PDB file of N, CA and C in Angstrom:
ATOM      1  N   MET A   1      26.796 -15.909 127.862  1.00  0.00           N
ATOM      2  CA  MET A   1      27.773 -16.191 126.645  1.00  0.00           C
ATOM      3  C   MET A   1      28.630 -15.253 126.454  1.00  0.00           C
ATOM      4  N   PRO A   2      29.572 -15.030 125.902  1.00  0.00           N
ATOM      5  CA  PRO A   2      30.548 -12.893 125.718  1.00  0.00           C
ATOM      6  C   PRO A   2      29.582 -12.970 124.480  1.00  0.00           C
ATOM      7  N   ASN A   3      29.840 -11.981 125.073  1.00  0.00           N
ATOM      8  CA  ASN A   3      29.167 -10.945 123.555  1.00  0.00           C
ATOM      9  C   ASN A   3      30.541 -11.027 122.371  1.00  0.00           C
ATOM     10  N   ILE A   4      30.170 -11.112 120.788  1.00  0.00           N
ATOM     11  CA  ILE A   4      31.622 -11.400 120.050  1.00  0.00           C
ATOM     12  C   ILE A   4      31.032 -10.827 119.137  1.00  0.00           C
ATOM     13  N   PRO A   5      30.806  -9.142 118.912  1.00  0.00           N
ATOM     14  CA  PRO A   5      30.475  -8.898 118.010  1.00  0.00           C
ATOM     15  C   PRO A   5      31.197  -9.200 116.499  1.00  0.00           C
ATOM     16  N   ALA A   6      30.434  -9.024 115.353  1.00  0.00           N
ATOM     17  CA  ALA A   6      30.731  -9.768 114.062  1.00  0.00           C
ATOM     18  C   ALA A   6      31.707  -8.368 113.284  1.00  0.00           C
ATOM     19  N   ASP A   7      31.514  -7.301 113.565  1.00  0.00           N
ATOM     20  CA  ASP A   7      32.564  -6.392 112.963  1.00  0.00           C
ATOM     21  C   ASP A   7      34.041  -6.030 113.346  1.00  0.00           C
ATOM     22  N   LEU A   8      34.175  -6.791 114.560  1.00  0.00           N
ATOM     23  CA  LEU A   8      35.675  -6.630 115.106  1.00  0.00           C
ATOM     24  C   LEU A   8      36.205  -7.358 114.851  1.00  0.00           C
ATOM     25  N   ARG A   9      38.116  -7.942 114.981  1.00  0.00           N
ATOM     26  CA  ARG A   9      38.187  -8.906 114.348  1.00  0.00           C
ATOM     27  C   ARG A   9      39.345  -9.393 115.492  1.00  0.00           C
ATOM     28  N   TYR A  10      39.703 -10.051 115.803  1.00  0.00           N
ATOM     29  CA  TYR A  10      39.872 -11.023 117.615  1.00  0.00           C
ATOM     30  C   TYR A  10      41.396 -11.608 117.373  1.00  0.00           C
ATOM     31  N   ALA A  11      42.359 -11.667 118.440  1.00  0.00           N
ATOM     32  CA  ALA A  11      43.637 -12.401 118.579  1.00  0.00           C
ATOM     33  C   ALA A  11      43.543 -13.571 118.857  1.00  0.00           C
ATOM     34  N   GLU A  12      44.454 -14.330 119.279  1.00  0.00           N
ATOM     35  CA  GLU A  12      43.874 -15.726 120.204  1.00  0.00           C
ATOM     36  C   GLU A  12      44.356 -15.110 121.505  1.00  0.00           C
ATOM     37  N   SER A  13      44.786 -14.106 122.009  1.00  0.00           N
ATOM     38  CA  SER A  13      45.378 -13.582 123.075  1.00  0.00           C
ATOM     39  C   SER A  13      43.818 -12.676 123.452  1.00  0.00           C
ATOM     40  N   HIS A  14      42.797 -12.433 123.160  1.00  0.00           N
ATOM     41  CA  HIS A  14      41.684 -12.240 123.474  1.00  0.00           C
ATOM     42  C   HIS A  14      41.360 -10.339 123.813  1.00  0.00           C
ATOM     43  N   GLU A  15      42.873  -9.544 122.549  1.00  0.00           N
ATOM     44  CA  GLU A  15      42.105  -8.465 122.421  1.00  0.00           C
ATOM     45  C   GLU A  15      41.466  -8.163 120.299  1.00  0.00           C
ATOM     46  N   TRP A  16      40.968  -7.543 120.911  1.00  0.00           N
ATOM     47  CA  TRP A  16      39.867  -6.899 119.496  1.00  0.00           C
ATOM     48  C   TRP A  16      40.631  -5.747 119.099  1.00  0.00           C
ATOM     49  N   ALA A  17      40.113  -6.307 117.682  1.00  0.00           N
ATOM     50  CA  ALA A  17      40.860  -5.283 116.731  1.00  0.00           C
ATOM     51  C   ALA A  17      39.372  -3.927 115.530  1.00  0.00           C
ATOM     52  N   ARG A  18      39.235  -2.607 115.072  1.00  0.00           N
ATOM     53  CA  ARG A  18      38.833  -2.620 114.786  1.00  0.00           C
ATOM     54  C   ARG A  18      39.609  -1.569 113.314  1.00  0.00           C
ATOM     55  N   LEU A  19      39.036  -1.637 112.137  1.00  0.00           N
ATOM     56  CA  LEU A  19      39.762  -0.876 111.068  1.00  0.00           C
ATOM     57  C   LEU A  19      38.582   0.489 111.535  1.00  0.00           C
ATOM     58  N   GLU A  20      39.340   1.202 111.778  1.00  0.00           N
ATOM     59  CA  GLU A  20      38.230   3.213 111.296  1.00  0.00           C
ATOM     60  C   GLU A  20      38.870   3.182 110.104  1.00  0.00           C
ATOM     61  N   ALA A  21      37.403   3.910 109.495  1.00  0.00           N
ATOM     62  CA  ALA A  21      37.504   5.119 108.505  1.00  0.00           C
ATOM     63  C   ALA A  21      38.121   5.785 107.861  1.00  0.00           C
ATOM     64  N   ASP A  22      39.829   6.364 108.876  1.00  0.00           N
ATOM     65  CA  ASP A  22      41.106   7.032 108.500  1.00  0.00           C
ATOM     66  C   ASP A  22      41.720   5.966 108.608  1.00  0.00           C
ATOM     67  N   GLY A  23      41.844   4.432 108.446  1.00  0.00           N
ATOM     68  CA  GLY A  23      42.969   3.457 108.307  1.00  0.00           C
ATOM     69  C   GLY A  23      43.528   2.979 109.124  1.00  0.00           C
ATOM     70  N   THR A  24      43.362   3.533 111.193  1.00  0.00           N
ATOM     71  CA  THR A  24      43.041   3.782 112.299  1.00  0.00           C
ATOM     72  C   THR A  24      42.949   2.538 112.264  1.00  0.00           C
ATOM     73  N   VAL A  25      43.444   1.688 113.502  1.00  0.00           N
ATOM     74  CA  VAL A  25      43.049   0.388 114.157  1.00  0.00           C
ATOM     75  C   VAL A  25      43.216   0.460 116.004  1.00  0.00           C
ATOM     76  N   THR A  26      41.390   0.306 115.864  1.00  0.00           N
ATOM     77  CA  THR A  26      41.519   0.370 117.217  1.00  0.00           C
ATOM     78  C   THR A  26      41.517  -1.048 118.280  1.00  0.00           C
ATOM     79  N   ALA A  27      41.970  -0.994 119.328  1.00  0.00           N
ATOM     80  CA  ALA A  27      42.121  -1.928 120.365  1.00  0.00           C
ATOM     81  C   ALA A  27      41.744  -2.010 121.439  1.00  0.00           C
ATOM     82  N   GLY A  28      41.381  -3.156 121.870  1.00  0.00           N
ATOM     83  CA  GLY A  28      40.739  -3.265 122.844  1.00  0.00           C
ATOM     84  C   GLY A  28      40.717  -4.934 123.736  1.00  0.00           C
ATOM     85  N   LEU A  29      40.376  -5.097 125.249  1.00  0.00           N
ATOM     86  CA  LEU A  29      39.797  -6.604 125.549  1.00  0.00           C
ATOM     87  C   LEU A  29      38.275  -7.124 125.520  1.00  0.00           C
ATOM     88  N   SER A  30      38.603  -8.292 124.802  1.00  0.00           N
ATOM     89  CA  SER A  30      36.672  -9.047 124.384  1.00  0.00           C
ATOM     90  C   SER A  30      36.472  -9.799 125.744  1.00  0.00           C
ATOM     91  N   ASP A  31      34.816  -9.063 125.675  1.00  0.00           N
ATOM     92  CA  ASP A  31      33.992  -9.695 126.597  1.00  0.00           C
ATOM     93  C   ASP A  31      34.825 -10.547 127.564  1.00  0.00           C
ATOM     94  N   HIS A  32      34.940 -12.054 126.676  1.00  0.00           N
ATOM     95  CA  HIS A  32      35.479 -13.147 126.914  1.00  0.00           C
ATOM     96  C   HIS A  32      36.490 -12.924 128.448  1.00  0.00           C
ATOM     97  N   ALA A  33      37.401 -11.971 127.887  1.00  0.00           N
ATOM     98  CA  ALA A  33      38.727 -11.824 128.855  1.00  0.00           C
ATOM     99  C   ALA A  33      38.107 -11.137 130.120  1.00  0.00           C
ATOM    100  N   GLN A  34      37.164 -10.071 129.470  1.00  0.00           N
ATOM    101  CA  GLN A  34      37.430  -9.178 131.557  1.00  0.00           C
ATOM    102  C   GLN A  34      36.383 -10.338 132.209  1.00  0.00           C
ATOM    103  N   HIS A  35      35.130 -11.600 131.310  1.00  0.00           N
ATOM    104  CA  HIS A  35      34.649 -11.889 131.800  1.00  0.00           C
ATOM    105  C   HIS A  35      35.682 -12.827 132.830  1.00  0.00           C
ATOM    106  N   THR A  36      36.832 -13.085 132.826  1.00  0.00           N
ATOM    107  CA  THR A  36      37.709 -14.869 132.784  1.00  0.00           C
ATOM    108  C   THR A  36      38.814 -13.615 134.120  1.00  0.00           C
ATOM    109  N   LEU A  37      38.360 -12.454 133.426  1.00  0.00           N
ATOM    110  CA  LEU A  37      40.042 -12.116 134.758  1.00  0.00           C
ATOM    111  C   LEU A  37      39.828 -11.244 135.758  1.00  0.00           C
ATOM    112  N   GLY A  38      37.817 -11.361 135.471  1.00  0.00           N
ATOM    113  CA  GLY A  38      36.722 -10.813 136.379  1.00  0.00           C
ATOM    114  C   GLY A  38      37.295  -9.064 136.953  1.00  0.00           C
ATOM    115  N   ASP A  39      37.146  -8.161 137.721  1.00  0.00           N
ATOM    116  CA  ASP A  39      37.243  -7.037 138.236  1.00  0.00           C
ATOM    117  C   ASP A  39      38.496  -6.685 137.950  1.00  0.00           C
ATOM    118  N   MET A  40      38.670  -5.190 137.049  1.00  0.00           N
ATOM    119  CA  MET A  40      39.184  -4.692 136.918  1.00  0.00           C
ATOM    120  C   MET A  40      39.907  -3.532 137.446  1.00  0.00           C
ATOM    121  N   VAL A  41      41.239  -3.851 138.101  1.00  0.00           N
ATOM    122  CA  VAL A  41      41.471  -3.135 138.891  1.00  0.00           C
ATOM    123  C   VAL A  41      42.723  -1.514 138.804  1.00  0.00           C
ATOM    124  N   PHE A  42      43.491  -2.099 137.575  1.00  0.00           N
ATOM    125  CA  PHE A  42      44.379  -0.794 136.627  1.00  0.00           C
ATOM    126  C   PHE A  42      44.833  -1.451 135.488  1.00  0.00           C
ATOM    127  N   VAL A  43      45.280  -0.450 134.644  1.00  0.00           N
ATOM    128  CA  VAL A  43      45.496  -0.398 133.369  1.00  0.00           C
ATOM    129  C   VAL A  43      46.504   0.176 133.218  1.00  0.00           C
ATOM    130  N   GLU A  44      47.325  -0.316 132.547  1.00  0.00           N
ATOM    131  CA  GLU A  44      48.706  -0.228 132.043  1.00  0.00           C
ATOM    132  C   GLU A  44      48.996   0.222 131.123  1.00  0.00           C
ATOM    133  N   LEU A  45      48.766   1.576 130.176  1.00  0.00           N
ATOM    134  CA  LEU A  45      48.804   1.790 128.643  1.00  0.00           C
ATOM    135  C   LEU A  45      49.853   2.060 127.945  1.00  0.00           C
ATOM    136  N   PRO A  46      49.952   1.576 126.825  1.00  0.00           N
ATOM    137  CA  PRO A  46      51.081   1.329 126.390  1.00  0.00           C
ATOM    138  C   PRO A  46      51.599   3.246 125.905  1.00  0.00           C
ATOM    139  N   GLN A  47      52.851   3.917 125.533  1.00  0.00           N
ATOM    140  CA  GLN A  47      52.933   4.937 125.543  1.00  0.00           C
ATOM    141  C   GLN A  47      52.947   5.625 124.165  1.00  0.00           C
ATOM    142  N   VAL A  48      52.423   6.770 123.964  1.00  0.00           N
ATOM    143  CA  VAL A  48      51.679   6.706 122.105  1.00  0.00           C
ATOM    144  C   VAL A  48      52.907   7.257 121.984  1.00  0.00           C
ATOM    145  N   GLY A  49      53.491   6.980 120.525  1.00  0.00           N
ATOM    146  CA  GLY A  49      54.491   6.991 119.630  1.00  0.00           C
ATOM    147  C   GLY A  49      55.087   5.759 119.877  1.00  0.00           C
ATOM    148  N   LYS A  50      55.190   4.904 120.574  1.00  0.00           N
ATOM    149  CA  LYS A  50      55.236   3.088 120.889  1.00  0.00           C
ATOM    150  C   LYS A  50      55.760   2.030 119.823  1.00  0.00           C
ATOM    151  N   VAL A  51      55.902   2.058 119.451  1.00  0.00           N
ATOM    152  CA  VAL A  51      56.154   1.053 118.133  1.00  0.00           C
ATOM    153  C   VAL A  51      56.164  -0.235 118.392  1.00  0.00           C
ATOM    154  N   PHE A  52      55.341  -1.335 117.651  1.00  0.00           N
ATOM    155  CA  PHE A  52      54.953  -2.606 118.014  1.00  0.00           C
ATOM    156  C   PHE A  52      54.768  -3.444 116.843  1.00  0.00           C
ATOM    157  N   ALA A  53      55.621  -4.754 117.125  1.00  0.00           N
ATOM    158  CA  ALA A  53      54.623  -5.524 116.478  1.00  0.00           C
ATOM    159  C   ALA A  53      53.650  -6.178 116.243  1.00  0.00           C
ATOM    160  N   ALA A  54      53.027  -6.941 115.872  1.00  0.00           N
ATOM    161  CA  ALA A  54      51.626  -8.014 116.388  1.00  0.00           C
ATOM    162  C   ALA A  54      52.330  -8.951 117.388  1.00  0.00           C
ATOM    163  N   GLY A  55      51.426  -8.624 118.233  1.00  0.00           N
ATOM    164  CA  GLY A  55      51.496 -10.011 119.501  1.00  0.00           C
ATOM    165  C   GLY A  55      52.887  -9.147 120.668  1.00  0.00           C
ATOM    166  N   ASP A  56      53.720  -8.201 120.461  1.00  0.00           N
ATOM    167  CA  ASP A  56      54.092  -8.345 121.333  1.00  0.00           C
ATOM    168  C   ASP A  56      53.083  -7.066 122.181  1.00  0.00           C
ATOM    169  N   ALA A  57      53.877  -7.741 123.715  1.00  0.00           N
ATOM    170  CA  ALA A  57      53.240  -6.922 124.423  1.00  0.00           C
ATOM    171  C   ALA A  57      52.994  -5.896 125.130  1.00  0.00           C
ATOM    172  N   ALA A  58      51.965  -4.670 124.410  1.00  0.00           N
ATOM    173  CA  ALA A  58      51.836  -2.920 124.774  1.00  0.00           C
ATOM    174  C   ALA A  58      51.571  -2.807 125.937  1.00  0.00           C
ATOM    175  N   GLY A  59      50.868  -3.649 127.112  1.00  0.00           N
ATOM    176  CA  GLY A  59      50.627  -3.477 128.197  1.00  0.00           C
ATOM    177  C   GLY A  59      50.248  -4.176 129.069  1.00  0.00           C
ATOM    178  N   VAL A  60      49.392  -3.302 129.699  1.00  0.00           N
ATOM    179  CA  VAL A  60      49.225  -4.704 131.246  1.00  0.00           C
ATOM    180  C   VAL A  60      47.453  -4.166 131.683  1.00  0.00           C
ATOM    181  N   VAL A  61      46.417  -4.967 131.957  1.00  0.00           N
ATOM    182  CA  VAL A  61      45.213  -4.808 132.804  1.00  0.00           C
ATOM    183  C   VAL A  61      45.882  -6.123 134.105  1.00  0.00           C
ATOM    184  N   GLU A  62      45.071  -5.083 135.372  1.00  0.00           N
ATOM    185  CA  GLU A  62      45.403  -6.156 136.615  1.00  0.00           C
ATOM    186  C   GLU A  62      43.496  -6.479 136.907  1.00  0.00           C
ATOM    187  N   SER A  63      43.260  -7.356 137.343  1.00  0.00           N
ATOM    188  CA  SER A  63      42.091  -7.555 137.813  1.00  0.00           C
ATOM    189  C   SER A  63      42.347  -8.457 139.275  1.00  0.00           C
ATOM    190  N   VAL A  64      40.708  -8.168 140.053  1.00  0.00           N
ATOM    191  CA  VAL A  64      41.115  -8.777 141.221  1.00  0.00           C
ATOM    192  C   VAL A  64      41.365 -10.247 141.090  1.00  0.00           C
ATOM    193  N   LYS A  65      41.730 -10.434 140.020  1.00  0.00           N
ATOM    194  CA  LYS A  65      42.361 -12.490 139.861  1.00  0.00           C
ATOM    195  C   LYS A  65      43.781 -11.930 139.594  1.00  0.00           C
ATOM    196  N   ALA A  66      44.330 -12.011 138.389  1.00  0.00           N
ATOM    197  CA  ALA A  66      45.446 -11.369 137.972  1.00  0.00           C
ATOM    198  C   ALA A  66      46.184  -9.762 137.313  1.00  0.00           C
ATOM    199  N   ALA A  67      47.171 -10.235 137.179  1.00  0.00           N
ATOM    200  CA  ALA A  67      47.791  -9.498 135.961  1.00  0.00           C
ATOM    201  C   ALA A  67      47.755  -9.723 134.870  1.00  0.00           C
ATOM    202  N   SER A  68      47.667  -9.698 133.798  1.00  0.00           N
ATOM    203  CA  SER A  68      47.958 -10.308 132.708  1.00  0.00           C
ATOM    204  C   SER A  68      47.800  -9.102 131.689  1.00  0.00           C
ATOM    205  N   ASP A  69      48.942  -9.379 130.598  1.00  0.00           N
ATOM    206  CA  ASP A  69      49.979  -8.679 129.456  1.00  0.00           C
ATOM    207  C   ASP A  69      48.693  -8.356 128.842  1.00  0.00           C
ATOM    208  N   ILE A  70      48.067  -7.147 127.791  1.00  0.00           N
ATOM    209  CA  ILE A  70      47.701  -6.610 127.074  1.00  0.00           C
ATOM    210  C   ILE A  70      48.559  -6.767 125.248  1.00  0.00           C
ATOM    211  N   TYR A  71      47.999  -7.398 124.389  1.00  0.00           N
ATOM    212  CA  TYR A  71      49.309  -7.469 123.584  1.00  0.00           C
ATOM    213  C   TYR A  71      48.583  -6.521 122.043  1.00  0.00           C
ATOM    214  N   ALA A  72      49.561  -6.620 120.830  1.00  0.00           N
ATOM    215  CA  ALA A  72      49.138  -5.388 119.870  1.00  0.00           C
ATOM    216  C   ALA A  72      48.647  -7.115 119.404  1.00  0.00           C
ATOM    217  N   PRO A  73      47.253  -6.453 118.512  1.00  0.00           N
ATOM    218  CA  PRO A  73      46.717  -7.404 118.021  1.00  0.00           C
ATOM    219  C   PRO A  73      47.441  -7.404 116.261  1.00  0.00           C
ATOM    220  N   ILE A  74      47.882  -6.380 116.100  1.00  0.00           N
ATOM    221  CA  ILE A  74      49.072  -5.875 114.790  1.00  0.00           C
ATOM    222  C   ILE A  74      49.705  -4.943 115.213  1.00  0.00           C
ATOM    223  N   GLY A  75      50.562  -5.067 113.716  1.00  0.00           N
ATOM    224  CA  GLY A  75      51.703  -3.768 114.227  1.00  0.00           C
ATOM    225  C   GLY A  75      51.544  -2.514 113.853  1.00  0.00           C
ATOM    226  N   GLY A  76      51.825  -1.604 113.880  1.00  0.00           N
ATOM    227  CA  GLY A  76      51.855  -0.167 114.039  1.00  0.00           C
ATOM    228  C   GLY A  76      52.360   0.599 115.309  1.00  0.00           C
ATOM    229  N   GLU A  77      51.976   2.074 114.823  1.00  0.00           N
ATOM    230  CA  GLU A  77      52.737   3.103 115.869  1.00  0.00           C
ATOM    231  C   GLU A  77      51.488   3.271 117.059  1.00  0.00           C
ATOM    232  N   VAL A  78      51.379   3.671 118.368  1.00  0.00           N
ATOM    233  CA  VAL A  78      50.509   3.499 119.346  1.00  0.00           C
ATOM    234  C   VAL A  78      50.242   5.079 119.099  1.00  0.00           C
ATOM    235  N   ILE A  79      49.039   5.625 118.554  1.00  0.00           N
ATOM    236  CA  ILE A  79      49.141   6.919 118.444  1.00  0.00           C
ATOM    237  C   ILE A  79      47.834   7.576 119.259  1.00  0.00           C
ATOM    238  N   ALA A  80      47.606   6.713 119.929  1.00  0.00           N
ATOM    239  CA  ALA A  80      46.124   7.920 121.153  1.00  0.00           C
ATOM    240  C   ALA A  80      45.849   6.505 121.992  1.00  0.00           C
ATOM    241  N   VAL A  81      45.590   6.356 123.595  1.00  0.00           N
ATOM    242  CA  VAL A  81      45.387   5.522 124.371  1.00  0.00           C
ATOM    243  C   VAL A  81      44.229   6.455 125.337  1.00  0.00           C
ATOM    244  N   ASN A  82      43.856   5.479 125.956  1.00  0.00           N
ATOM    245  CA  ASN A  82      42.011   5.724 126.534  1.00  0.00           C
ATOM    246  C   ASN A  82      42.891   6.138 128.046  1.00  0.00           C
ATOM    247  N   GLU A  83      43.099   7.212 127.603  1.00  0.00           N
ATOM    248  CA  GLU A  83      43.476   7.850 129.561  1.00  0.00           C
ATOM    249  C   GLU A  83      42.629   7.487 130.680  1.00  0.00           C
ATOM    250  N   GLU A  84      41.161   7.356 130.207  1.00  0.00           N
ATOM    251  CA  GLU A  84      40.009   7.180 130.909  1.00  0.00           C
ATOM    252  C   GLU A  84      40.227   6.199 131.628  1.00  0.00           C
ATOM    253  N   LEU A  85      40.909   4.645 130.672  1.00  0.00           N
ATOM    254  CA  LEU A  85      41.066   3.899 131.946  1.00  0.00           C
ATOM    255  C   LEU A  85      41.977   3.870 133.414  1.00  0.00           C
ATOM    256  N   ALA A  86      42.868   4.521 132.905  1.00  0.00           N
ATOM    257  CA  ALA A  86      43.562   5.758 134.402  1.00  0.00           C
ATOM    258  C   ALA A  86      43.032   5.335 135.533  1.00  0.00           C
ATOM    259  N   GLU A  87      41.970   6.078 134.912  1.00  0.00           N
ATOM    260  CA  GLU A  87      41.024   6.036 136.252  1.00  0.00           C
ATOM    261  C   GLU A  87      40.380   5.332 136.315  1.00  0.00           C
ATOM    262  N   THR A  88      40.047   4.732 135.917  1.00  0.00           N
ATOM    263  CA  THR A  88      38.538   3.789 135.967  1.00  0.00           C
ATOM    264  C   THR A  88      38.793   2.790 135.008  1.00  0.00           C
ATOM    265  N   PRO A  89      39.202   2.063 135.795  1.00  0.00           N
ATOM    266  CA  PRO A  89      39.789   0.024 134.507  1.00  0.00           C
ATOM    267  C   PRO A  89      38.270  -0.536 134.154  1.00  0.00           C
ATOM    268  N   GLU A  90      37.516  -0.526 135.375  1.00  0.00           N
ATOM    269  CA  GLU A  90      36.302  -1.011 135.489  1.00  0.00           C
ATOM    270  C   GLU A  90      35.105  -0.847 134.339  1.00  0.00           C
ATOM    271  N   LEU A  91      35.349   0.231 133.598  1.00  0.00           N
ATOM    272  CA  LEU A  91      35.237   0.235 132.422  1.00  0.00           C
ATOM    273  C   LEU A  91      35.121  -0.904 131.357  1.00  0.00           C
ATOM    274  N   LEU A  92      36.179  -1.275 131.291  1.00  0.00           N
ATOM    275  CA  LEU A  92      36.801  -2.379 130.683  1.00  0.00           C
ATOM    276  C   LEU A  92      35.617  -3.831 130.842  1.00  0.00           C
ATOM    277  N   ASN A  93      35.563  -3.681 132.203  1.00  0.00           N
ATOM    278  CA  ASN A  93      34.134  -4.840 132.496  1.00  0.00           C
ATOM    279  C   ASN A  93      32.910  -4.537 132.171  1.00  0.00           C
ATOM    280  N   GLU A  94      32.819  -3.201 132.303  1.00  0.00           N
ATOM    281  CA  GLU A  94      31.424  -2.899 132.309  1.00  0.00           C
ATOM    282  C   GLU A  94      30.883  -2.588 130.109  1.00  0.00           C
ATOM    283  N   GLU A  95      32.020  -1.942 130.023  1.00  0.00           N
ATOM    284  CA  GLU A  95      31.940  -2.251 127.966  1.00  0.00           C
ATOM    285  C   GLU A  95      32.586  -2.136 127.633  1.00  0.00           C
ATOM    286  N   PRO A  96      32.733  -3.773 127.713  1.00  0.00           N
ATOM    287  CA  PRO A  96      34.634  -4.435 127.074  1.00  0.00           C
ATOM    288  C   PRO A  96      34.788  -3.047 125.235  1.00  0.00           C
ATOM    289  N   TYR A  97      33.895  -3.446 124.817  1.00  0.00           N
ATOM    290  CA  TYR A  97      33.888  -2.741 123.587  1.00  0.00           C
ATOM    291  C   TYR A  97      34.182  -1.151 123.098  1.00  0.00           C
ATOM    292  N   GLU A  98      33.345  -1.057 123.534  1.00  0.00           N
ATOM    293  CA  GLU A  98      33.090   0.485 123.573  1.00  0.00           C
ATOM    294  C   GLU A  98      34.855   1.031 124.168  1.00  0.00           C
ATOM    295  N   SER A  99      35.013   0.667 125.075  1.00  0.00           N
ATOM    296  CA  SER A  99      35.926   0.948 126.269  1.00  0.00           C
ATOM    297  C   SER A  99      37.595   0.257 125.765  1.00  0.00           C
ATOM    298  N   TRP A 100      37.898   1.321 124.557  1.00  0.00           N
ATOM    299  CA  TRP A 100      39.554   0.805 123.577  1.00  0.00           C
ATOM    300  C   TRP A 100      40.356   1.597 124.311  1.00  0.00           C
ATOM    301  N   ILE A 101      41.841   0.654 124.401  1.00  0.00           N
ATOM    302  CA  ILE A 101      42.432   0.305 125.156  1.00  0.00           C
ATOM    303  C   ILE A 101      43.991   1.960 124.293  1.00  0.00           C
ATOM    304  N   PHE A 102      44.036   1.066 123.266  1.00  0.00           N
ATOM    305  CA  PHE A 102      44.960   1.926 122.118  1.00  0.00           C
ATOM    306  C   PHE A 102      44.342   1.879 120.758  1.00  0.00           C
ATOM    307  N   LYS A 103      44.795   2.919 120.595  1.00  0.00           N
ATOM    308  CA  LYS A 103      44.266   2.895 118.554  1.00  0.00           C
ATOM    309  C   LYS A 103      46.093   3.145 118.138  1.00  0.00           C
ATOM    310  N   LEU A 104      45.952   2.655 117.096  1.00  0.00           N
ATOM    311  CA  LEU A 104      48.053   2.329 116.128  1.00  0.00           C
ATOM    312  C   LEU A 104      47.420   3.028 114.767  1.00  0.00           C
ATOM    313  N   LYS A 105      48.362   3.513 114.336  1.00  0.00           N
ATOM    314  CA  LYS A 105      48.681   3.923 112.756  1.00  0.00           C
ATOM    315  C   LYS A 105      49.374   1.967 111.836  1.00  0.00           C
ATOM    316  N   PRO A 106      48.556   1.390 111.802  1.00  0.00           N
ATOM    317  CA  PRO A 106      49.399   0.210 111.083  1.00  0.00           C
ATOM    318  C   PRO A 106      50.125   0.354 110.646  1.00  0.00           C
ATOM    319  N   SER A 107      51.664  -0.762 111.155  1.00  0.00           N
ATOM    320  CA  SER A 107      52.367  -0.773 109.787  1.00  0.00           C
ATOM    321  C   SER A 107      51.820  -1.632 108.689  1.00  0.00           C
ATOM    322  N   ASN A 108      51.004  -2.406 108.492  1.00  0.00           N
ATOM    323  CA  ASN A 108      50.816  -3.250 107.764  1.00  0.00           C
ATOM    324  C   ASN A 108      49.100  -3.803 107.489  1.00  0.00           C
ATOM    325  N   LYS A 109      47.961  -2.877 106.717  1.00  0.00           N
ATOM    326  CA  LYS A 109      46.261  -3.418 107.173  1.00  0.00           C
ATOM    327  C   LYS A 109      46.243  -4.950 107.389  1.00  0.00           C
ATOM    328  N   SER A 110      46.798  -5.536 106.483  1.00  0.00           N
ATOM    329  CA  SER A 110      46.914  -6.904 105.721  1.00  0.00           C
ATOM    330  C   SER A 110      46.850  -7.563 106.957  1.00  0.00           C
ATOM    331  N   GLU A 111      47.754  -7.265 107.857  1.00  0.00           N
ATOM    332  CA  GLU A 111      48.008  -7.906 109.376  1.00  0.00           C
ATOM    333  C   GLU A 111      46.660  -8.453 110.146  1.00  0.00           C
ATOM    334  N   LEU A 112      45.243  -7.427 110.050  1.00  0.00           N
ATOM    335  CA  LEU A 112      44.533  -7.872 110.229  1.00  0.00           C
ATOM    336  C   LEU A 112      43.665  -8.894 109.666  1.00  0.00           C
ATOM    337  N   ASP A 113      43.806  -9.547 108.863  1.00  0.00           N
ATOM    338  CA  ASP A 113      43.347 -10.455 107.949  1.00  0.00           C
ATOM    339  C   ASP A 113      43.624 -12.072 108.398  1.00  0.00           C
ATOM    340  N   LYS A 114      44.901 -12.163 109.945  1.00  0.00           N
ATOM    341  CA  LYS A 114      45.973 -12.719 109.582  1.00  0.00           C
ATOM    342  C   LYS A 114      44.873 -13.242 111.404  1.00  0.00           C
ATOM    343  N   LEU A 115      44.325 -12.107 112.312  1.00  0.00           N
ATOM    344  CA  LEU A 115      43.012 -12.634 112.642  1.00  0.00           C
ATOM    345  C   LEU A 115      41.977 -13.445 112.573  1.00  0.00           C
ATOM    346  N   LEU A 116      41.710 -13.416 114.010  1.00  0.00           N
ATOM    347  CA  LEU A 116      40.144 -14.050 113.720  1.00  0.00           C
ATOM    348  C   LEU A 116      39.004 -13.828 113.555  1.00  0.00           C
ATOM    349  N   ASP A 117      37.629 -14.014 112.845  1.00  0.00           N
ATOM    350  CA  ASP A 117      36.700 -13.102 112.394  1.00  0.00           C
ATOM    351  C   ASP A 117      36.080 -13.725 114.010  1.00  0.00           C
ATOM    352  N   ALA A 118      34.610 -13.032 113.891  1.00  0.00           N
ATOM    353  CA  ALA A 118      33.954 -12.837 115.527  1.00  0.00           C
ATOM    354  C   ALA A 118      33.816 -14.834 115.209  1.00  0.00           C
ATOM    355  N   ALA A 119      33.501 -15.840 114.135  1.00  0.00           N
ATOM    356  CA  ALA A 119      33.035 -16.887 114.154  1.00  0.00           C
ATOM    357  C   ALA A 119      34.496 -17.921 114.779  1.00  0.00           C
ATOM    358  N   GLY A 120      35.459 -17.591 114.275  1.00  0.00           N
ATOM    359  CA  GLY A 120      37.295 -17.927 114.172  1.00  0.00           C
ATOM    360  C   GLY A 120      37.184 -18.213 115.725  1.00  0.00           C
ATOM    361  N   TYR A 121      36.601 -16.689 116.791  1.00  0.00           N
ATOM    362  CA  TYR A 121      36.983 -16.648 117.875  1.00  0.00           C
ATOM    363  C   TYR A 121      36.252 -16.890 118.403  1.00  0.00           C
ATOM    364  N   LYS A 122      34.971 -17.129 118.500  1.00  0.00           N
ATOM    365  CA  LYS A 122      34.147 -18.371 119.224  1.00  0.00           C
ATOM    366  C   LYS A 122      34.659 -19.667 118.778  1.00  0.00           C
ATOM    367  N   ALA A 123      34.781 -20.207 118.110  1.00  0.00           N
ATOM    368  CA  ALA A 123      35.980 -21.122 118.348  1.00  0.00           C
ATOM    369  C   ALA A 123      36.643 -21.572 118.893  1.00  0.00           C
ATOM    370  N   ALA A 124      37.711 -20.451 118.637  1.00  0.00           N
ATOM    371  CA  ALA A 124      38.626 -20.713 119.975  1.00  0.00           C
ATOM    372  C   ALA A 124      38.466 -20.551 121.238  1.00  0.00           C
ATOM    373  N   ILE A 125      37.493 -19.995 121.853  1.00  0.00           N
ATOM    374  CA  ILE A 125      37.120 -19.853 123.001  1.00  0.00           C
ATOM    375  C   ILE A 125      36.570 -20.617 123.695  1.00  0.00           C
ATOM    376  N   GLY A 126      35.663 -21.705 122.321  1.00  0.00           N
ATOM    377  CA  GLY A 126      35.374 -23.465 123.176  1.00  0.00           C
ATOM    378  C   GLY A 126      33.918 -22.497 123.395  1.00  0.00           C
ATOM    379  N   ASP A 127      33.456 -21.209 122.571  1.00  0.00           N
ATOM    380  CA  ASP A 127      31.631 -21.134 123.009  1.00  0.00           C
ATOM    381  C   ASP A 127      30.913 -21.770 122.336  1.00  0.00           C
TER     382      ASP A 127
END
């Protein structure tokens, strides 16, 4: 059974989003997504400074099974990327909620309200 922390918001495309105390939003890949994709072998991180709308493809993860786009859960400017994933993409498998992919300065924080809560995400993945 996948781990679905209650304090996060979730996109139907399986990214999680966490609003930080400083108003930024940290994004990563859900436990369900990493289980489905299998062992991660490569992560293409977005560029710092790039601006995305909610749902835009922001990067790519490759696993032994498939390559999959990572989408921006909300719109905003990328202010940081997790460089550690370039060297050790398997962290997404080992610690999906500690291993963030990128951080955004949100264009509109209310977009977080459009994402699923833990119960909604659990229902969406049929768990």
